Amino acid sequence: MSDISLRLPLIKPYEALKSDYWTVRFHSSQSEFAADHILVDPDRFIVGYGANGTTEISGKAVPYMFYFVIDLKNKIEMPFNDSAKFLYELNRLGYSWSNLVLTDSIYSKYHETGLIPWLSPQK
């Protein structure tokens, strides 16, 4: 990855960093994952898309997709590589895919106001 050009603080100790694309470092694994969509609420934040390398399907390399829910209250990082399970968890928490926001949009709002747009679950 090239030099970091943008930093978006999330909820300590997490942050998104951008050089060529946005990434979030997960503390349990010390791995970085792409973070194209993020949702932040007072107790957790959710990374709606992350790719970590590729996998081969029908002889073609395709991105290996991950989705994450980071439960800050209970200090749990929950990875999902199955979109159906991720969407189930998202719904269980009171959200839908449409609640996730492009990381670039969150950064723009943060850059303009100094604040991260937070959401509350719709139960």
PDB file of N, CA and C in Angstrom:
ATOM      1  N   MET A   1       0.841  -1.165   0.000  1.00  0.00           N
ATOM      2  CA  MET A   1       0.000   0.000   0.000  1.00  0.00           C
ATOM      3  C   MET A   1       0.889   1.232   0.000  1.00  0.00           C
ATOM      4  N   SER A   2       0.468   2.271  -0.694  1.00  0.00           N
ATOM      5  CA  SER A   2       1.257   3.494  -0.762  1.00  0.00           C
ATOM      6  C   SER A   2       1.028   4.339   0.491  1.00  0.00           C
ATOM      7  N   ASP A   3       1.649   5.503   0.533  1.00  0.00           N
ATOM      8  CA  ASP A   3       1.540   6.375   1.697  1.00  0.00           C
ATOM      9  C   ASP A   3       0.082   6.727   1.975  1.00  0.00           C
ATOM     10  N   ILE A   4      -0.245   6.817   3.271  1.00  0.00           N
ATOM     11  CA  ILE A   4      -1.594   7.168   3.690  1.00  0.00           C
ATOM     12  C   ILE A   4      -1.839   8.645   3.372  1.00  0.00           C
ATOM     13  N   SER A   5      -2.949   8.933   2.717  1.00  0.00           N
ATOM     14  CA  SER A   5      -3.241  10.322   2.390  1.00  0.00           C
ATOM     15  C   SER A   5      -4.431  10.864   3.174  1.00  0.00           C
ATOM     16  N   LEU A   6      -5.358  10.008   3.622  1.00  0.00           N
ATOM     17  CA  LEU A   6      -6.525  10.456   4.379  1.00  0.00           C
ATOM     18  C   LEU A   6      -6.723   9.568   5.603  1.00  0.00           C
ATOM     19  N   ARG A   7      -7.220  10.175   6.696  1.00  0.00           N
ATOM     20  CA  ARG A   7      -7.503   9.445   7.926  1.00  0.00           C
ATOM     21  C   ARG A   7      -8.902   9.812   8.395  1.00  0.00           C
ATOM     22  N   LEU A   8      -9.699   8.793   8.710  1.00  0.00           N
ATOM     23  CA  LEU A   8     -11.051   8.988   9.208  1.00  0.00           C
ATOM     24  C   LEU A   8     -11.155   8.289  10.559  1.00  0.00           C
ATOM     25  N   PRO A   9     -11.159   9.040  11.672  1.00  0.00           N
ATOM     26  CA  PRO A   9     -11.290   8.395  12.976  1.00  0.00           C
ATOM     27  C   PRO A   9     -12.701   7.841  13.128  1.00  0.00           C
ATOM     28  N   LEU A  10     -12.808   6.619  13.588  1.00  0.00           N
ATOM     29  CA  LEU A  10     -14.125   6.015  13.816  1.00  0.00           C
ATOM     30  C   LEU A  10     -14.376   6.061  15.325  1.00  0.00           C
ATOM     31  N   ILE A  11     -14.446   4.923  15.961  1.00  0.00           N
ATOM     32  CA  ILE A  11     -14.580   4.864  17.404  1.00  0.00           C
ATOM     33  C   ILE A  11     -13.294   4.241  17.915  1.00  0.00           C
ATOM     34  N   LYS A  12     -12.605   4.921  18.847  1.00  0.00           N
ATOM     35  CA  LYS A  12     -11.311   4.442  19.321  1.00  0.00           C
ATOM     36  C   LYS A  12     -11.393   2.981  19.716  1.00  0.00           C
ATOM     37  N   PRO A  13     -10.425   2.190  19.323  1.00  0.00           N
ATOM     38  CA  PRO A  13      -9.154   2.532  18.698  1.00  0.00           C
ATOM     39  C   PRO A  13      -9.180   2.398  17.172  1.00  0.00           C
ATOM     40  N   TYR A  14     -10.357   2.364  16.564  1.00  0.00           N
ATOM     41  CA  TYR A  14     -10.474   2.105  15.129  1.00  0.00           C
ATOM     42  C   TYR A  14     -10.421   3.390  14.315  1.00  0.00           C
ATOM     43  N   GLU A  15      -9.890   3.254  13.112  1.00  0.00           N
ATOM     44  CA  GLU A  15      -9.861   4.347  12.162  1.00  0.00           C
ATOM     45  C   GLU A  15      -9.812   3.748  10.763  1.00  0.00           C
ATOM     46  N   ALA A  16     -10.277   4.527   9.804  1.00  0.00           N
ATOM     47  CA  ALA A  16     -10.158   4.130   8.400  1.00  0.00           C
ATOM     48  C   ALA A  16      -9.054   4.986   7.792  1.00  0.00           C
ATOM     49  N   LEU A  17      -8.218   4.361   6.990  1.00  0.00           N
ATOM     50  CA  LEU A  17      -7.116   5.050   6.331  1.00  0.00           C
ATOM     51  C   LEU A  17      -7.256   4.873   4.828  1.00  0.00           C
ATOM     52  N   LYS A  18      -6.894   5.906   4.084  1.00  0.00           N
ATOM     53  CA  LYS A  18      -7.014   5.804   2.628  1.00  0.00           C
ATOM     54  C   LYS A  18      -5.710   6.210   1.963  1.00  0.00           C
ATOM     55  N   SER A  19      -5.254   5.355   1.083  1.00  0.00           N
ATOM     56  CA  SER A  19      -4.205   5.713   0.136  1.00  0.00           C
ATOM     57  C   SER A  19      -4.847   5.500  -1.225  1.00  0.00           C
ATOM     58  N   ASP A  20      -4.797   4.288  -1.747  1.00  0.00           N
ATOM     59  CA  ASP A  20      -5.505   3.985  -2.995  1.00  0.00           C
ATOM     60  C   ASP A  20      -6.973   3.673  -2.728  1.00  0.00           C
ATOM     61  N   TYR A  21      -7.274   3.114  -1.553  1.00  0.00           N
ATOM     62  CA  TYR A  21      -8.636   2.764  -1.151  1.00  0.00           C
ATOM     63  C   TYR A  21      -8.694   2.778   0.372  1.00  0.00           C
ATOM     64  N   TRP A  22      -9.902   2.807   0.923  1.00  0.00           N
ATOM     65  CA  TRP A  22     -10.090   2.844   2.376  1.00  0.00           C
ATOM     66  C   TRP A  22      -9.823   1.473   2.979  1.00  0.00           C
ATOM     67  N   THR A  23      -9.146   1.459   4.125  1.00  0.00           N
ATOM     68  CA  THR A  23      -8.940   0.223   4.886  1.00  0.00           C
ATOM     69  C   THR A  23      -9.215   0.486   6.362  1.00  0.00           C
ATOM     70  N   VAL A  24      -9.569  -0.594   7.066  1.00  0.00           N
ATOM     71  CA  VAL A  24      -9.708  -0.574   8.521  1.00  0.00           C
ATOM     72  C   VAL A  24      -8.844  -1.705   9.053  1.00  0.00           C
ATOM     73  N   ARG A  25      -8.068  -1.414  10.108  1.00  0.00           N
ATOM     74  CA  ARG A  25      -7.237  -2.442  10.748  1.00  0.00           C
ATOM     75  C   ARG A  25      -8.044  -3.054  11.887  1.00  0.00           C
ATOM     76  N   PHE A  26      -8.124  -4.381  11.877  1.00  0.00           N
ATOM     77  CA  PHE A  26      -8.834  -5.094  12.927  1.00  0.00           C
ATOM     78  C   PHE A  26      -7.845  -5.537  13.984  1.00  0.00           C
ATOM     79  N   HIS A  27      -8.142  -5.207  15.216  1.00  0.00           N
ATOM     80  CA  HIS A  27      -7.188  -5.403  16.294  1.00  0.00           C
ATOM     81  C   HIS A  27      -7.024  -6.862  16.695  1.00  0.00           C
ATOM     82  N   SER A  28      -8.055  -7.682  16.544  1.00  0.00           N
ATOM     83  CA  SER A  28      -7.925  -9.088  16.930  1.00  0.00           C
ATOM     84  C   SER A  28      -6.952  -9.831  16.028  1.00  0.00           C
ATOM     85  N   SER A  29      -6.906  -9.460  14.759  1.00  0.00           N
ATOM     86  CA  SER A  29      -6.048 -10.168  13.811  1.00  0.00           C
ATOM     87  C   SER A  29      -4.885  -9.311  13.308  1.00  0.00           C
ATOM     88  N   GLN A  30      -4.922  -8.013  13.593  1.00  0.00           N
ATOM     89  CA  GLN A  30      -3.943  -7.058  13.069  1.00  0.00           C
ATOM     90  C   GLN A  30      -3.932  -7.039  11.538  1.00  0.00           C
ATOM     91  N   SER A  31      -5.049  -7.447  10.932  1.00  0.00           N
ATOM     92  CA  SER A  31      -5.180  -7.443   9.476  1.00  0.00           C
ATOM     93  C   SER A  31      -5.905  -6.184   9.035  1.00  0.00           C
ATOM     94  N   GLU A  32      -5.590  -5.732   7.833  1.00  0.00           N
ATOM     95  CA  GLU A  32      -6.290  -4.607   7.232  1.00  0.00           C
ATOM     96  C   GLU A  32      -7.225  -5.130   6.159  1.00  0.00           C
ATOM     97  N   PHE A  33      -8.426  -4.549   6.110  1.00  0.00           N
ATOM     98  CA  PHE A  33      -9.409  -4.942   5.109  1.00  0.00           C
ATOM     99  C   PHE A  33      -9.964  -3.702   4.441  1.00  0.00           C
ATOM    100  N   ALA A  34     -10.259  -3.825   3.164  1.00  0.00           N
ATOM    101  CA  ALA A  34     -10.893  -2.725   2.437  1.00  0.00           C
ATOM    102  C   ALA A  34     -12.217  -2.397   3.109  1.00  0.00           C
ATOM    103  N   ALA A  35     -12.576  -1.127   3.098  1.00  0.00           N
ATOM    104  CA  ALA A  35     -13.782  -0.668   3.787  1.00  0.00           C
ATOM    105  C   ALA A  35     -14.517   0.341   2.921  1.00  0.00           C
ATOM    106  N   ASP A  36     -15.264  -0.147   1.954  1.00  0.00           N
ATOM    107  CA  ASP A  36     -15.970   0.742   1.032  1.00  0.00           C
ATOM    108  C   ASP A  36     -17.236   1.353   1.624  1.00  0.00           C
ATOM    109  N   HIS A  37     -17.911   0.632   2.497  1.00  0.00           N
ATOM    110  CA  HIS A  37     -19.145   1.102   3.123  1.00  0.00           C
ATOM    111  C   HIS A  37     -19.017   0.916   4.639  1.00  0.00           C
ATOM    112  N   ILE A  38     -19.451   1.921   5.384  1.00  0.00           N
ATOM    113  CA  ILE A  38     -19.372   1.860   6.847  1.00  0.00           C
ATOM    114  C   ILE A  38     -20.658   2.426   7.431  1.00  0.00           C
ATOM    115  N   LEU A  39     -21.053   1.880   8.548  1.00  0.00           N
ATOM    116  CA  LEU A  39     -22.152   2.413   9.345  1.00  0.00           C
ATOM    117  C   LEU A  39     -21.601   2.554  10.759  1.00  0.00           C
ATOM    118  N   VAL A  40     -21.827   3.688  11.389  1.00  0.00           N
ATOM    119  CA  VAL A  40     -21.357   3.898  12.755  1.00  0.00           C
ATOM    120  C   VAL A  40     -22.561   4.195  13.629  1.00  0.00           C
ATOM    121  N   ASP A  41     -22.682   3.467  14.746  1.00  0.00           N
ATOM    122  CA  ASP A  41     -23.687   3.806  15.752  1.00  0.00           C
ATOM    123  C   ASP A  41     -22.976   3.869  17.101  1.00  0.00           C
ATOM    124  N   PRO A  42     -23.649   4.287  18.159  1.00  0.00           N
ATOM    125  CA  PRO A  42     -22.951   4.510  19.428  1.00  0.00           C
ATOM    126  C   PRO A  42     -22.262   3.277  20.023  1.00  0.00           C
ATOM    127  N   ASP A  43     -22.713   2.071  19.706  1.00  0.00           N
ATOM    128  CA  ASP A  43     -22.160   0.867  20.321  1.00  0.00           C
ATOM    129  C   ASP A  43     -21.307   0.024  19.388  1.00  0.00           C
ATOM    130  N   ARG A  44     -21.355   0.297  18.103  1.00  0.00           N
ATOM    131  CA  ARG A  44     -20.656  -0.583  17.161  1.00  0.00           C
ATOM    132  C   ARG A  44     -20.425   0.169  15.871  1.00  0.00           C
ATOM    133  N   PHE A  45     -19.592  -0.387  15.058  1.00  0.00           N
ATOM    134  CA  PHE A  45     -19.583   0.085  13.682  1.00  0.00           C
ATOM    135  C   PHE A  45     -19.511  -1.137  12.787  1.00  0.00           C
ATOM    136  N   ILE A  46     -19.970  -0.945  11.591  1.00  0.00           N
ATOM    137  CA  ILE A  46     -20.158  -2.043  10.668  1.00  0.00           C
ATOM    138  C   ILE A  46     -19.445  -1.701   9.373  1.00  0.00           C
ATOM    139  N   VAL A  47     -18.624  -2.626   8.927  1.00  0.00           N
ATOM    140  CA  VAL A  47     -17.977  -2.488   7.632  1.00  0.00           C
ATOM    141  C   VAL A  47     -18.743  -3.386   6.687  1.00  0.00           C
ATOM    142  N   GLY A  48     -19.367  -2.794   5.701  1.00  0.00           N
ATOM    143  CA  GLY A  48     -20.248  -3.546   4.831  1.00  0.00           C
ATOM    144  C   GLY A  48     -19.568  -4.228   3.676  1.00  0.00           C
ATOM    145  N   TYR A  49     -18.328  -3.928   3.456  1.00  0.00           N
ATOM    146  CA  TYR A  49     -17.620  -4.585   2.373  1.00  0.00           C
ATOM    147  C   TYR A  49     -16.154  -4.548   2.699  1.00  0.00           C
ATOM    148  N   GLY A  50     -15.528  -5.647   2.537  1.00  0.00           N
ATOM    149  CA  GLY A  50     -14.084  -5.663   2.677  1.00  0.00           C
ATOM    150  C   GLY A  50     -13.553  -6.786   1.819  1.00  0.00           C
ATOM    151  N   ALA A  51     -12.493  -6.558   1.132  1.00  0.00           N
ATOM    152  CA  ALA A  51     -11.882  -7.606   0.312  1.00  0.00           C
ATOM    153  C   ALA A  51     -10.472  -7.826   0.832  1.00  0.00           C
ATOM    154  N   ASN A  52     -10.094  -9.057   0.943  1.00  0.00           N
ATOM    155  CA  ASN A  52      -8.750  -9.383   1.401  1.00  0.00           C
ATOM    156  C   ASN A  52      -8.201 -10.427   0.452  1.00  0.00           C
ATOM    157  N   GLY A  53      -7.624  -9.965  -0.647  1.00  0.00           N
ATOM    158  CA  GLY A  53      -7.087 -10.902  -1.626  1.00  0.00           C
ATOM    159  C   GLY A  53      -8.168 -11.408  -2.569  1.00  0.00           C
ATOM    160  N   THR A  54      -7.871 -12.501  -3.225  1.00  0.00           N
ATOM    161  CA  THR A  54      -8.812 -13.073  -4.176  1.00  0.00           C
ATOM    162  C   THR A  54      -8.944 -14.569  -3.947  1.00  0.00           C
ATOM    163  N   THR A  55     -10.001 -15.100  -4.466  1.00  0.00           N
ATOM    164  CA  THR A  55     -10.204 -16.535  -4.479  1.00  0.00           C
ATOM    165  C   THR A  55     -10.524 -16.928  -5.915  1.00  0.00           C
ATOM    166  N   GLU A  56     -10.369 -18.173  -6.271  1.00  0.00           N
ATOM    167  CA  GLU A  56     -10.616 -18.597  -7.650  1.00  0.00           C
ATOM    168  C   GLU A  56     -11.988 -19.247  -7.757  1.00  0.00           C
ATOM    169  N   ILE A  57     -12.778 -18.747  -8.698  1.00  0.00           N
ATOM    170  CA  ILE A  57     -14.090 -19.320  -8.983  1.00  0.00           C
ATOM    171  C   ILE A  57     -14.163 -19.542 -10.479  1.00  0.00           C
ATOM    172  N   SER A  58     -14.417 -20.783 -10.869  1.00  0.00           N
ATOM    173  CA  SER A  58     -14.490 -21.152 -12.285  1.00  0.00           C
ATOM    174  C   SER A  58     -13.259 -20.681 -13.061  1.00  0.00           C
ATOM    175  N   GLY A  59     -12.105 -20.809 -12.444  1.00  0.00           N
ATOM    176  CA  GLY A  59     -10.864 -20.454 -13.117  1.00  0.00           C
ATOM    177  C   GLY A  59     -10.547 -18.976 -13.174  1.00  0.00           C
ATOM    178  N   LYS A  60     -11.409 -18.140 -12.539  1.00  0.00           N
ATOM    179  CA  LYS A  60     -11.177 -16.697 -12.531  1.00  0.00           C
ATOM    180  C   LYS A  60     -10.941 -16.217 -11.105  1.00  0.00           C
ATOM    181  N   ALA A  61      -9.991 -15.296 -10.963  1.00  0.00           N
ATOM    182  CA  ALA A  61      -9.735 -14.708  -9.657  1.00  0.00           C
ATOM    183  C   ALA A  61     -10.789 -13.636  -9.383  1.00  0.00           C
ATOM    184  N   VAL A  62     -11.478 -13.759  -8.253  1.00  0.00           N
ATOM    185  CA  VAL A  62     -12.473 -12.772  -7.843  1.00  0.00           C
ATOM    186  C   VAL A  62     -12.147 -12.342  -6.414  1.00  0.00           C
ATOM    187  N   PRO A  63     -12.530 -11.114  -6.053  1.00  0.00           N
ATOM    188  CA  PRO A  63     -12.246 -10.667  -4.683  1.00  0.00           C
ATOM    189  C   PRO A  63     -12.921 -11.575  -3.660  1.00  0.00           C
ATOM    190  N   TYR A  64     -12.196 -11.868  -2.598  1.00  0.00           N
ATOM    191  CA  TYR A  64     -12.749 -12.637  -1.498  1.00  0.00           C
ATOM    192  C   TYR A  64     -13.420 -11.650  -0.561  1.00  0.00           C
ATOM    193  N   MET A  65     -14.734 -11.713  -0.466  1.00  0.00           N
ATOM    194  CA  MET A  65     -15.496 -10.695   0.248  1.00  0.00           C
ATOM    195  C   MET A  65     -15.634 -11.018   1.727  1.00  0.00           C
ATOM    196  N   PHE A  66     -15.543  -9.960   2.531  1.00  0.00           N
ATOM    197  CA  PHE A  66     -15.778 -10.046   3.962  1.00  0.00           C
ATOM    198  C   PHE A  66     -16.710  -8.926   4.369  1.00  0.00           C
ATOM    199  N   TYR A  67     -17.449  -9.164   5.410  1.00  0.00           N
ATOM    200  CA  TYR A  67     -18.297  -8.149   6.019  1.00  0.00           C
ATOM    201  C   TYR A  67     -18.017  -8.233   7.514  1.00  0.00           C
ATOM    202  N   PHE A  68     -18.097  -7.120   8.224  1.00  0.00           N
ATOM    203  CA  PHE A  68     -17.750  -7.111   9.632  1.00  0.00           C
ATOM    204  C   PHE A  68     -18.747  -6.323  10.451  1.00  0.00           C
ATOM    205  N   VAL A  69     -18.984  -6.811  11.654  1.00  0.00           N
ATOM    206  CA  VAL A  69     -19.667  -6.045  12.686  1.00  0.00           C
ATOM    207  C   VAL A  69     -18.689  -5.979  13.847  1.00  0.00           C
ATOM    208  N   ILE A  70     -18.366  -4.791  14.271  1.00  0.00           N
ATOM    209  CA  ILE A  70     -17.474  -4.606  15.405  1.00  0.00           C
ATOM    210  C   ILE A  70     -18.326  -4.102  16.561  1.00  0.00           C
ATOM    211  N   ASP A  71     -18.517  -4.968  17.543  1.00  0.00           N
ATOM    212  CA  ASP A  71     -19.318  -4.668  18.728  1.00  0.00           C
ATOM    213  C   ASP A  71     -18.370  -4.094  19.772  1.00  0.00           C
ATOM    214  N   LEU A  72     -18.386  -2.786  19.929  1.00  0.00           N
ATOM    215  CA  LEU A  72     -17.442  -2.113  20.812  1.00  0.00           C
ATOM    216  C   LEU A  72     -17.772  -2.320  22.283  1.00  0.00           C
ATOM    217  N   LYS A  73     -19.055  -2.422  22.578  1.00  0.00           N
ATOM    218  CA  LYS A  73     -19.475  -2.606  23.962  1.00  0.00           C
ATOM    219  C   LYS A  73     -18.936  -3.923  24.521  1.00  0.00           C
ATOM    220  N   ASN A  74     -18.988  -4.976  23.710  1.00  0.00           N
ATOM    221  CA  ASN A  74     -18.537  -6.305  24.149  1.00  0.00           C
ATOM    222  C   ASN A  74     -17.153  -6.672  23.624  1.00  0.00           C
ATOM    223  N   LYS A  75     -16.506  -5.745  22.907  1.00  0.00           N
ATOM    224  CA  LYS A  75     -15.161  -5.939  22.363  1.00  0.00           C
ATOM    225  C   LYS A  75     -15.062  -7.197  21.496  1.00  0.00           C
ATOM    226  N   ILE A  76     -15.987  -7.286  20.530  1.00  0.00           N
ATOM    227  CA  ILE A  76     -16.036  -8.440  19.634  1.00  0.00           C
ATOM    228  C   ILE A  76     -15.967  -7.952  18.186  1.00  0.00           C
ATOM    229  N   GLU A  77     -15.106  -8.560  17.396  1.00  0.00           N
ATOM    230  CA  GLU A  77     -15.041  -8.321  15.955  1.00  0.00           C
ATOM    231  C   GLU A  77     -15.621  -9.549  15.272  1.00  0.00           C
ATOM    232  N   MET A  78     -16.755  -9.371  14.605  1.00  0.00           N
ATOM    233  CA  MET A  78     -17.447 -10.496  13.983  1.00  0.00           C
ATOM    234  C   MET A  78     -17.300 -10.425  12.464  1.00  0.00           C
ATOM    235  N   PRO A  79     -16.473 -11.290  11.875  1.00  0.00           N
ATOM    236  CA  PRO A  79     -16.353 -11.310  10.412  1.00  0.00           C
ATOM    237  C   PRO A  79     -17.403 -12.235   9.797  1.00  0.00           C
ATOM    238  N   PHE A  80     -17.846 -11.891   8.621  1.00  0.00           N
ATOM    239  CA  PHE A  80     -18.785 -12.720   7.854  1.00  0.00           C
ATOM    240  C   PHE A  80     -18.239 -12.823   6.441  1.00  0.00           C
ATOM    241  N   ASN A  81     -18.168 -14.031   5.890  1.00  0.00           N
ATOM    242  CA  ASN A  81     -17.821 -14.159   4.474  1.00  0.00           C
ATOM    243  C   ASN A  81     -19.028 -14.639   3.682  1.00  0.00           C
ATOM    244  N   ASP A  82     -20.172 -14.653   4.334  1.00  0.00           N
ATOM    245  CA  ASP A  82     -21.438 -15.036   3.719  1.00  0.00           C
ATOM    246  C   ASP A  82     -22.363 -13.825   3.811  1.00  0.00           C
ATOM    247  N   SER A  83     -22.725 -13.252   2.674  1.00  0.00           N
ATOM    248  CA  SER A  83     -23.531 -12.021   2.691  1.00  0.00           C
ATOM    249  C   SER A  83     -24.897 -12.240   3.331  1.00  0.00           C
ATOM    250  N   ALA A  84     -25.496 -13.427   3.171  1.00  0.00           N
ATOM    251  CA  ALA A  84     -26.803 -13.692   3.770  1.00  0.00           C
ATOM    252  C   ALA A  84     -26.722 -13.645   5.299  1.00  0.00           C
ATOM    253  N   LYS A  85     -25.674 -14.214   5.872  1.00  0.00           N
ATOM    254  CA  LYS A  85     -25.510 -14.185   7.330  1.00  0.00           C
ATOM    255  C   LYS A  85     -25.246 -12.763   7.815  1.00  0.00           C
ATOM    256  N   PHE A  86     -24.457 -12.026   7.039  1.00  0.00           N
ATOM    257  CA  PHE A  86     -24.195 -10.637   7.392  1.00  0.00           C
ATOM    258  C   PHE A  86     -25.492  -9.829   7.360  1.00  0.00           C
ATOM    259  N   LEU A  87     -26.297  -9.989   6.309  1.00  0.00           N
ATOM    260  CA  LEU A  87     -27.553  -9.249   6.203  1.00  0.00           C
ATOM    261  C   LEU A  87     -28.524  -9.637   7.316  1.00  0.00           C
ATOM    262  N   TYR A  88     -28.508 -10.903   7.720  1.00  0.00           N
ATOM    263  CA  TYR A  88     -29.338 -11.348   8.845  1.00  0.00           C
ATOM    264  C   TYR A  88     -28.911 -10.613  10.119  1.00  0.00           C
ATOM    265  N   GLU A  89     -27.593 -10.567  10.380  1.00  0.00           N
ATOM    266  CA  GLU A  89     -27.078  -9.875  11.570  1.00  0.00           C
ATOM    267  C   GLU A  89     -27.388  -8.382  11.510  1.00  0.00           C
ATOM    268  N   LEU A  90     -27.229  -7.790  10.353  1.00  0.00           N
ATOM    269  CA  LEU A  90     -27.538  -6.385  10.164  1.00  0.00           C
ATOM    270  C   LEU A  90     -28.999  -6.108  10.517  1.00  0.00           C
ATOM    271  N   ASN A  91     -29.899  -6.955  10.013  1.00  0.00           N
ATOM    272  CA  ASN A  91     -31.319  -6.819  10.297  1.00  0.00           C
ATOM    273  C   ASN A  91     -31.608  -7.033  11.784  1.00  0.00           C
ATOM    274  N   ARG A  92     -30.955  -7.994  12.391  1.00  0.00           N
ATOM    275  CA  ARG A  92     -31.130  -8.273  13.816  1.00  0.00           C
ATOM    276  C   ARG A  92     -30.752  -7.052  14.661  1.00  0.00           C
ATOM    277  N   LEU A  93     -29.780  -6.284  14.184  1.00  0.00           N
ATOM    278  CA  LEU A  93     -29.333  -5.084  14.888  1.00  0.00           C
ATOM    279  C   LEU A  93     -30.195  -3.856  14.575  1.00  0.00           C
ATOM    280  N   GLY A  94     -31.167  -4.025  13.665  1.00  0.00           N
ATOM    281  CA  GLY A  94     -32.074  -2.925  13.339  1.00  0.00           C
ATOM    282  C   GLY A  94     -31.665  -2.092  12.150  1.00  0.00           C
ATOM    283  N   TYR A  95     -30.816  -2.648  11.296  1.00  0.00           N
ATOM    284  CA  TYR A  95     -30.342  -1.937  10.119  1.00  0.00           C
ATOM    285  C   TYR A  95     -30.607  -2.745   8.858  1.00  0.00           C
ATOM    286  N   SER A  96     -30.417  -2.091   7.716  1.00  0.00           N
ATOM    287  CA  SER A  96     -30.458  -2.777   6.423  1.00  0.00           C
ATOM    288  C   SER A  96     -29.234  -2.331   5.626  1.00  0.00           C
ATOM    289  N   TRP A  97     -29.007  -2.994   4.498  1.00  0.00           N
ATOM    290  CA  TRP A  97     -27.853  -2.644   3.668  1.00  0.00           C
ATOM    291  C   TRP A  97     -27.872  -1.165   3.294  1.00  0.00           C
ATOM    292  N   SER A  98     -29.062  -0.615   3.075  1.00  0.00           N
ATOM    293  CA  SER A  98     -29.171   0.786   2.644  1.00  0.00           C
ATOM    294  C   SER A  98     -28.694   1.768   3.714  1.00  0.00           C
ATOM    295  N   ASN A  99     -28.543   1.327   4.973  1.00  0.00           N
ATOM    296  CA  ASN A  99     -28.028   2.206   6.023  1.00  0.00           C
ATOM    297  C   ASN A  99     -26.522   2.398   5.943  1.00  0.00           C
ATOM    298  N   LEU A 100     -25.818   1.495   5.248  1.00  0.00           N
ATOM    299  CA  LEU A 100     -24.373   1.648   5.122  1.00  0.00           C
ATOM    300  C   LEU A 100     -24.072   2.778   4.146  1.00  0.00           C
ATOM    301  N   VAL A 101     -23.046   3.542   4.448  1.00  0.00           N
ATOM    302  CA  VAL A 101     -22.720   4.735   3.673  1.00  0.00           C
ATOM    303  C   VAL A 101     -21.328   4.564   3.068  1.00  0.00           C
ATOM    304  N   LEU A 102     -21.153   5.062   1.858  1.00  0.00           N
ATOM    305  CA  LEU A 102     -19.830   5.033   1.254  1.00  0.00           C
ATOM    306  C   LEU A 102     -18.831   5.738   2.166  1.00  0.00           C
ATOM    307  N   THR A 103     -17.694   5.125   2.373  1.00  0.00           N
ATOM    308  CA  THR A 103     -16.679   5.697   3.256  1.00  0.00           C
ATOM    309  C   THR A 103     -16.252   7.078   2.761  1.00  0.00           C
ATOM    310  N   ASP A 104     -16.160   7.276   1.461  1.00  0.00           N
ATOM    311  CA  ASP A 104     -15.824   8.601   0.924  1.00  0.00           C
ATOM    312  C   ASP A 104     -16.848   9.651   1.355  1.00  0.00           C
ATOM    313  N   SER A 105     -18.129   9.287   1.394  1.00  0.00           N
ATOM    314  CA  SER A 105     -19.176  10.227   1.811  1.00  0.00           C
ATOM    315  C   SER A 105     -19.053  10.568   3.292  1.00  0.00           C
ATOM    316  N   ILE A 106     -18.752   9.556   4.115  1.00  0.00           N
ATOM    317  CA  ILE A 106     -18.557   9.805   5.544  1.00  0.00           C
ATOM    318  C   ILE A 106     -17.361  10.733   5.744  1.00  0.00           C
ATOM    319  N   TYR A 107     -16.288  10.465   5.000  1.00  0.00           N
ATOM    320  CA  TYR A 107     -15.100  11.319   5.122  1.00  0.00           C
ATOM    321  C   TYR A 107     -15.428  12.757   4.717  1.00  0.00           C
ATOM    322  N   SER A 108     -16.181  12.945   3.643  1.00  0.00           N
ATOM    323  CA  SER A 108     -16.550  14.297   3.198  1.00  0.00           C
ATOM    324  C   SER A 108     -17.308  15.038   4.297  1.00  0.00           C
ATOM    325  N   LYS A 109     -18.258  14.344   4.913  1.00  0.00           N
ATOM    326  CA  LYS A 109     -19.040  14.954   6.004  1.00  0.00           C
ATOM    327  C   LYS A 109     -18.130  15.286   7.186  1.00  0.00           C
ATOM    328  N   TYR A 110     -17.232  14.364   7.513  1.00  0.00           N
ATOM    329  CA  TYR A 110     -16.283  14.591   8.612  1.00  0.00           C
ATOM    330  C   TYR A 110     -15.370  15.782   8.295  1.00  0.00           C
ATOM    331  N   HIS A 111     -14.897  15.855   7.062  1.00  0.00           N
ATOM    332  CA  HIS A 111     -14.003  16.942   6.647  1.00  0.00           C
ATOM    333  C   HIS A 111     -14.716  18.302   6.730  1.00  0.00           C
ATOM    334  N   GLU A 112     -16.013  18.336   6.369  1.00  0.00           N
ATOM    335  CA  GLU A 112     -16.790  19.576   6.403  1.00  0.00           C
ATOM    336  C   GLU A 112     -17.153  20.012   7.817  1.00  0.00           C
ATOM    337  N   THR A 113     -17.541  19.043   8.671  1.00  0.00           N
ATOM    338  CA  THR A 113     -18.127  19.381   9.973  1.00  0.00           C
ATOM    339  C   THR A 113     -17.273  18.984  11.173  1.00  0.00           C
ATOM    340  N   GLY A 114     -16.307  18.068  10.960  1.00  0.00           N
ATOM    341  CA  GLY A 114     -15.535  17.544  12.083  1.00  0.00           C
ATOM    342  C   GLY A 114     -16.277  16.454  12.836  1.00  0.00           C
ATOM    343  N   LEU A 115     -17.435  16.033  12.314  1.00  0.00           N
ATOM    344  CA  LEU A 115     -18.266  15.013  12.970  1.00  0.00           C
ATOM    345  C   LEU A 115     -18.486  13.824  12.040  1.00  0.00           C
ATOM    346  N   ILE A 116     -18.624  12.652  12.642  1.00  0.00           N
ATOM    347  CA  ILE A 116     -18.975  11.439  11.911  1.00  0.00           C
ATOM    348  C   ILE A 116     -20.488  11.276  12.002  1.00  0.00           C
ATOM    349  N   PRO A 117     -21.194  11.052  10.884  1.00  0.00           N
ATOM    350  CA  PRO A 117     -22.637  10.835  10.972  1.00  0.00           C
ATOM    351  C   PRO A 117     -22.943   9.503  11.644  1.00  0.00           C
ATOM    352  N   TRP A 118     -23.657   9.548  12.770  1.00  0.00           N
ATOM    353  CA  TRP A 118     -24.014   8.364  13.539  1.00  0.00           C
ATOM    354  C   TRP A 118     -25.463   7.984  13.216  1.00  0.00           C
ATOM    355  N   LEU A 119     -25.733   6.707  13.309  1.00  0.00           N
ATOM    356  CA  LEU A 119     -27.099   6.220  13.136  1.00  0.00           C
ATOM    357  C   LEU A 119     -27.557   5.529  14.399  1.00  0.00           C
ATOM    358  N   SER A 120     -28.859   5.479  14.573  1.00  0.00           N
ATOM    359  CA  SER A 120     -29.456   4.683  15.649  1.00  0.00           C
ATOM    360  C   SER A 120     -30.293   3.606  14.984  1.00  0.00           C
ATOM    361  N   PRO A 121     -30.280   2.397  15.550  1.00  0.00           N
ATOM    362  CA  PRO A 121     -31.045   1.317  14.927  1.00  0.00           C
ATOM    363  C   PRO A 121     -32.529   1.626  14.889  1.00  0.00           C
ATOM    364  N   GLN A 122     -33.189   1.160  13.842  1.00  0.00           N
ATOM    365  CA  GLN A 122     -34.633   1.298  13.696  1.00  0.00           C
ATOM    366  C   GLN A 122     -35.266  -0.022  14.110  1.00  0.00           C
ATOM    367  N   LYS A 123     -35.674  -0.125  15.331  1.00  0.00           N
ATOM    368  CA  LYS A 123     -36.268  -1.384  15.841  1.00  0.00           C
ATOM    369  C   LYS A 123     -37.753  -1.379  15.654  1.00  0.00           C
TER     370      LYS A 123
END
